Amino acid sequence: MDTDEIIQQVNDIFKDVLDNDDIKLTEGTTANDVDEWDSLNHIQLIVAIEKHFKVRFTTSEIYKWKNIGDMCNMIASKTQL
């Protein structure tokens, strides 16, 4: 699975969790770019992403993410194992 496919799937998860069909994520998207992406929704997003991709993230891995691209790269590395 390539990064574009992962971003599309993550985008669909964001739309569902945040109940906003207008969200369009890019590799450079951060929480500051999405109005509904607050600390509570962040947890819900992580849980939904872990469930969808059947992966688990450590707290230190999550803290390293600067943007959606970092998140998707981590998903890619975990799903290729």
N, C-alpha and C. Protein backbone atom coordinates (compact mmCIF):
# COMPACT_ATOMS: atom_id res chain seq x y z
N MET A 1 0.85 -1.17 0.00
CA MET A 1 0.00 0.00 0.00
C MET A 1 0.90 1.24 0.00
N ASP A 2 0.64 2.17 -0.92
CA ASP A 2 1.48 3.36 -0.98
C ASP A 2 0.88 4.50 -0.14
N THR A 3 1.64 5.56 0.00
CA THR A 3 1.25 6.67 0.85
C THR A 3 -0.05 7.32 0.40
N ASP A 4 -0.25 7.46 -0.91
CA ASP A 4 -1.48 8.06 -1.41
C ASP A 4 -2.71 7.25 -1.01
N GLU A 5 -2.60 5.93 -1.09
CA GLU A 5 -3.72 5.06 -0.68
C GLU A 5 -3.99 5.20 0.82
N ILE A 6 -2.92 5.27 1.59
CA ILE A 6 -3.06 5.41 3.05
C ILE A 6 -3.70 6.76 3.38
N ILE A 7 -3.23 7.82 2.73
CA ILE A 7 -3.81 9.15 2.99
C ILE A 7 -5.30 9.15 2.66
N GLN A 8 -5.69 8.53 1.57
CA GLN A 8 -7.11 8.48 1.20
C GLN A 8 -7.93 7.76 2.26
N GLN A 9 -7.41 6.64 2.75
CA GLN A 9 -8.13 5.89 3.78
C GLN A 9 -8.18 6.68 5.09
N VAL A 10 -7.06 7.32 5.45
CA VAL A 10 -7.03 8.15 6.66
C VAL A 10 -8.00 9.32 6.50
N ASN A 11 -8.04 9.91 5.30
CA ASN A 11 -8.96 11.01 5.03
C ASN A 11 -10.41 10.58 5.28
N ASP A 12 -10.76 9.37 4.82
CA ASP A 12 -12.11 8.86 5.04
C ASP A 12 -12.40 8.67 6.53
N ILE A 13 -11.41 8.22 7.28
CA ILE A 13 -11.56 8.06 8.73
C ILE A 13 -11.79 9.42 9.38
N PHE A 14 -11.00 10.42 8.98
CA PHE A 14 -11.17 11.77 9.52
C PHE A 14 -12.56 12.31 9.23
N LYS A 15 -13.03 12.11 8.00
CA LYS A 15 -14.38 12.58 7.64
C LYS A 15 -15.43 11.94 8.53
N ASP A 16 -15.28 10.65 8.79
CA ASP A 16 -16.24 9.92 9.60
C ASP A 16 -16.18 10.35 11.07
N VAL A 17 -14.98 10.34 11.65
CA VAL A 17 -14.83 10.66 13.07
C VAL A 17 -15.19 12.12 13.35
N LEU A 18 -14.75 13.02 12.49
CA LEU A 18 -14.98 14.45 12.71
C LEU A 18 -16.30 14.93 12.11
N ASP A 19 -17.01 14.03 11.43
CA ASP A 19 -18.31 14.35 10.83
C ASP A 19 -18.22 15.59 9.94
N ASN A 20 -17.22 15.56 9.03
CA ASN A 20 -17.01 16.69 8.12
C ASN A 20 -16.55 16.13 6.77
N ASP A 21 -17.45 16.15 5.80
CA ASP A 21 -17.15 15.61 4.48
C ASP A 21 -16.26 16.52 3.64
N ASP A 22 -15.94 17.71 4.14
CA ASP A 22 -15.12 18.66 3.40
C ASP A 22 -13.62 18.52 3.67
N ILE A 23 -13.24 17.63 4.57
CA ILE A 23 -11.83 17.46 4.92
C ILE A 23 -11.06 16.88 3.74
N LYS A 24 -9.94 17.50 3.44
CA LYS A 24 -9.04 17.02 2.38
C LYS A 24 -7.62 17.05 2.93
N LEU A 25 -7.16 15.91 3.39
CA LEU A 25 -5.83 15.82 4.00
C LEU A 25 -4.75 15.74 2.94
N THR A 26 -3.61 16.31 3.27
CA THR A 26 -2.39 16.17 2.47
C THR A 26 -1.29 15.72 3.44
N GLU A 27 -0.14 15.40 2.90
CA GLU A 27 0.97 14.99 3.77
C GLU A 27 1.35 16.08 4.75
N GLY A 28 1.15 17.32 4.39
CA GLY A 28 1.55 18.45 5.25
C GLY A 28 0.48 18.91 6.22
N THR A 29 -0.70 18.30 6.19
CA THR A 29 -1.79 18.72 7.08
C THR A 29 -1.44 18.46 8.54
N THR A 30 -1.74 19.45 9.40
CA THR A 30 -1.54 19.32 10.84
C THR A 30 -2.88 19.58 11.54
N ALA A 31 -2.91 19.36 12.85
CA ALA A 31 -4.13 19.60 13.63
C ALA A 31 -4.57 21.05 13.51
N ASN A 32 -3.64 21.96 13.33
CA ASN A 32 -3.99 23.38 13.20
C ASN A 32 -4.77 23.66 11.92
N ASP A 33 -4.70 22.77 10.96
CA ASP A 33 -5.37 22.97 9.67
C ASP A 33 -6.81 22.47 9.64
N VAL A 34 -7.20 21.69 10.65
CA VAL A 34 -8.54 21.08 10.68
C VAL A 34 -9.24 21.54 11.96
N ASP A 35 -10.28 22.36 11.79
CA ASP A 35 -10.96 22.97 12.94
C ASP A 35 -11.42 21.95 13.98
N GLU A 36 -11.98 20.85 13.55
CA GLU A 36 -12.55 19.87 14.48
C GLU A 36 -11.51 18.97 15.16
N TRP A 37 -10.27 19.06 14.74
CA TRP A 37 -9.22 18.17 15.25
C TRP A 37 -8.66 18.73 16.56
N ASP A 38 -9.32 18.41 17.67
CA ASP A 38 -8.84 18.84 18.97
C ASP A 38 -8.26 17.63 19.72
N SER A 39 -7.90 17.83 20.97
CA SER A 39 -7.22 16.76 21.72
C SER A 39 -8.12 15.54 21.93
N LEU A 40 -9.41 15.75 22.19
CA LEU A 40 -10.31 14.62 22.38
C LEU A 40 -10.50 13.87 21.06
N ASN A 41 -10.73 14.59 19.99
CA ASN A 41 -10.89 13.95 18.69
C ASN A 41 -9.60 13.28 18.23
N HIS A 42 -8.46 13.79 18.66
CA HIS A 42 -7.18 13.18 18.31
C HIS A 42 -7.14 11.73 18.80
N ILE A 43 -7.59 11.52 20.01
CA ILE A 43 -7.61 10.17 20.58
C ILE A 43 -8.56 9.28 19.78
N GLN A 44 -9.73 9.80 19.46
CA GLN A 44 -10.70 9.03 18.68
C GLN A 44 -10.16 8.70 17.29
N LEU A 45 -9.45 9.64 16.69
CA LEU A 45 -8.85 9.41 15.38
C LEU A 45 -7.80 8.31 15.45
N ILE A 46 -6.94 8.37 16.45
CA ILE A 46 -5.88 7.36 16.60
C ILE A 46 -6.50 5.98 16.77
N VAL A 47 -7.51 5.87 17.62
CA VAL A 47 -8.16 4.57 17.85
C VAL A 47 -8.78 4.06 16.56
N ALA A 48 -9.46 4.92 15.83
CA ALA A 48 -10.10 4.51 14.58
C ALA A 48 -9.07 4.08 13.54
N ILE A 49 -7.96 4.81 13.47
CA ILE A 49 -6.90 4.47 12.51
C ILE A 49 -6.24 3.14 12.89
N GLU A 50 -5.95 2.95 14.18
CA GLU A 50 -5.37 1.69 14.62
C GLU A 50 -6.29 0.52 14.28
N LYS A 51 -7.57 0.69 14.52
CA LYS A 51 -8.54 -0.37 14.25
C LYS A 51 -8.62 -0.66 12.75
N HIS A 52 -8.69 0.38 11.94
CA HIS A 52 -8.82 0.23 10.49
C HIS A 52 -7.61 -0.50 9.89
N PHE A 53 -6.41 -0.07 10.28
CA PHE A 53 -5.20 -0.64 9.70
C PHE A 53 -4.65 -1.83 10.49
N LYS A 54 -5.31 -2.15 11.60
CA LYS A 54 -4.89 -3.28 12.45
C LYS A 54 -3.43 -3.11 12.91
N VAL A 55 -3.14 -1.91 13.44
CA VAL A 55 -1.81 -1.60 13.98
C VAL A 55 -1.99 -0.97 15.35
N ARG A 56 -0.89 -0.86 16.08
CA ARG A 56 -0.88 -0.16 17.37
C ARG A 56 0.28 0.81 17.36
N PHE A 57 0.04 2.00 17.90
CA PHE A 57 1.07 3.02 18.00
C PHE A 57 1.44 3.22 19.46
N THR A 58 2.72 3.41 19.71
CA THR A 58 3.15 3.76 21.06
C THR A 58 2.98 5.28 21.23
N THR A 59 2.95 5.71 22.46
CA THR A 59 2.84 7.14 22.74
C THR A 59 4.02 7.89 22.14
N SER A 60 5.21 7.33 22.24
CA SER A 60 6.40 8.02 21.70
C SER A 60 6.32 8.13 20.18
N GLU A 61 5.76 7.13 19.51
CA GLU A 61 5.59 7.20 18.05
C GLU A 61 4.63 8.33 17.69
N ILE A 62 3.54 8.42 18.41
CA ILE A 62 2.54 9.46 18.13
C ILE A 62 3.13 10.84 18.35
N TYR A 63 3.91 11.02 19.41
CA TYR A 63 4.51 12.32 19.70
C TYR A 63 5.49 12.77 18.61
N LYS A 64 6.04 11.85 17.87
CA LYS A 64 7.01 12.19 16.82
C LYS A 64 6.35 12.74 15.56
N TRP A 65 5.04 12.49 15.40
CA TRP A 65 4.36 12.94 14.20
C TRP A 65 4.25 14.45 14.17
N LYS A 66 4.68 15.03 13.06
CA LYS A 66 4.55 16.48 12.86
C LYS A 66 3.35 16.81 11.97
N ASN A 67 2.92 15.82 11.17
CA ASN A 67 1.84 16.05 10.20
C ASN A 67 1.26 14.70 9.75
N ILE A 68 0.29 14.77 8.85
CA ILE A 68 -0.35 13.56 8.33
C ILE A 68 0.65 12.67 7.60
N GLY A 69 1.60 13.26 6.92
CA GLY A 69 2.62 12.49 6.22
C GLY A 69 3.39 11.59 7.16
N ASP A 70 3.78 12.12 8.33
CA ASP A 70 4.50 11.32 9.32
C ASP A 70 3.63 10.16 9.80
N MET A 71 2.35 10.45 10.04
CA MET A 71 1.42 9.40 10.49
C MET A 71 1.31 8.31 9.42
N CYS A 72 1.14 8.72 8.18
CA CYS A 72 0.95 7.75 7.10
C CYS A 72 2.22 6.93 6.85
N ASN A 73 3.38 7.55 7.00
CA ASN A 73 4.64 6.82 6.86
C ASN A 73 4.75 5.75 7.95
N MET A 74 4.29 6.07 9.16
CA MET A 74 4.32 5.10 10.25
C MET A 74 3.35 3.96 9.97
N ILE A 75 2.17 4.29 9.45
CA ILE A 75 1.20 3.25 9.09
C ILE A 75 1.81 2.34 8.03
N ALA A 76 2.43 2.94 7.02
CA ALA A 76 3.04 2.16 5.93
C ALA A 76 4.10 1.21 6.48
N SER A 77 4.95 1.71 7.38
CA SER A 77 6.01 0.85 7.92
C SER A 77 5.45 -0.28 8.76
N LYS A 78 4.36 -0.04 9.48
CA LYS A 78 3.78 -1.07 10.34
C LYS A 78 2.96 -2.08 9.54
N THR A 79 2.38 -1.68 8.42
CA THR A 79 1.57 -2.61 7.66
C THR A 79 2.40 -3.46 6.69
N GLN A 80 3.66 -3.10 6.52
CA GLN A 80 4.53 -3.87 5.63
C GLN A 80 5.30 -4.95 6.37
N LEU A 81 5.13 -5.02 7.67
CA LEU A 81 5.85 -6.02 8.48
C LEU A 81 5.32 -7.41 8.22
